């Protein structure tokens, strides 16, 4: 399965509640970095799942975590 293009879209392109021009991938990375006390390895592991998730699942998960 190919990586979803939603990861590279800006938050404000994907979500009507966001005014951020940060890519979804970066917003999720920042979220996990904070949650993992800035542990890059733990954040990388947390982000791995998004490489094989469907676009719909990524969008739902990002909205749950970032809204």
Protein backbone atom coordinates (compact mmCIF):
# COMPACT_ATOMS: atom_id res chain seq x y z
CA UNK A 1 0.00 0.00 0.00
CA UNK A 2 1.33 3.42 -0.93
CA UNK A 3 1.68 6.24 1.57
CA UNK A 4 -1.38 8.49 1.68
CA UNK A 5 -0.98 11.92 0.07
CA UNK A 6 -3.00 13.46 2.94
CA UNK A 7 0.18 13.44 5.06
CA UNK A 8 1.72 16.14 2.87
CA UNK A 9 -1.37 18.35 2.61
CA UNK A 10 -1.66 21.43 4.78
CA UNK A 11 -3.85 21.15 7.85
CA UNK A 12 -6.12 23.93 6.57
CA UNK A 13 -6.62 22.05 3.28
CA UNK A 14 -7.77 18.90 5.07
CA UNK A 15 -9.68 20.27 8.06
CA UNK A 16 -12.12 23.17 8.02
CA UNK A 17 -11.41 23.77 11.73
CA UNK A 18 -7.69 24.41 11.18
CA UNK A 19 -6.03 27.60 10.00
CA UNK A 20 -2.55 26.05 10.04
CA UNK A 21 -0.54 25.72 6.84
CA UNK A 22 1.59 23.03 8.48
CA UNK A 23 1.49 19.65 6.72
CA UNK A 24 -0.57 16.98 8.50
CA UNK A 25 2.59 14.85 8.85
CA UNK A 26 4.39 17.65 10.73
CA UNK A 27 1.41 18.37 12.99
CA UNK A 28 1.21 14.69 13.95
CA UNK A 29 5.00 14.57 14.49
CA UNK A 30 4.80 17.58 16.81
CA UNK A 31 1.90 16.01 18.71
CA UNK A 32 3.80 12.77 19.30
CA UNK A 33 7.04 14.60 20.16
CA UNK A 34 5.20 16.40 22.96
CA UNK A 35 3.42 13.22 24.08
CA UNK A 36 6.70 11.25 24.11
CA UNK A 37 8.71 13.88 26.01
CA UNK A 38 10.67 14.73 22.83
CA UNK A 39 11.88 11.14 22.33
CA UNK A 40 12.61 10.97 18.60
CA UNK A 41 12.72 7.16 18.46
CA UNK A 42 9.38 6.78 20.24
CA UNK A 43 7.86 9.43 17.99
CA UNK A 44 9.20 7.68 14.89
CA UNK A 45 7.61 4.42 16.04
CA UNK A 46 4.30 6.18 16.69
CA UNK A 47 4.40 7.73 13.21
CA UNK A 48 5.15 4.45 11.41
CA UNK A 49 1.50 3.41 11.47
CA UNK A 50 0.53 6.38 9.29
CA UNK A 51 2.62 5.05 6.41
CA UNK A 52 0.22 2.16 5.87
CA UNK A 53 -3.09 3.68 7.03
CA UNK A 54 -5.85 4.69 4.66
CA UNK A 55 -6.50 8.36 4.00
CA UNK A 56 -9.79 8.15 5.88
CA UNK A 57 -8.12 6.55 8.92
CA UNK A 58 -5.33 9.13 8.98
CA UNK A 59 -7.84 11.96 8.77
CA UNK A 60 -9.96 10.50 11.59
CA UNK A 61 -6.94 9.89 13.83
CA UNK A 62 -5.46 13.33 13.17
CA UNK A 63 -8.78 15.00 13.91
CA UNK A 64 -9.11 13.04 17.17
CA UNK A 65 -5.59 13.98 18.28
CA UNK A 66 -5.21 17.51 16.95
CA UNK A 67 -8.61 19.18 17.09
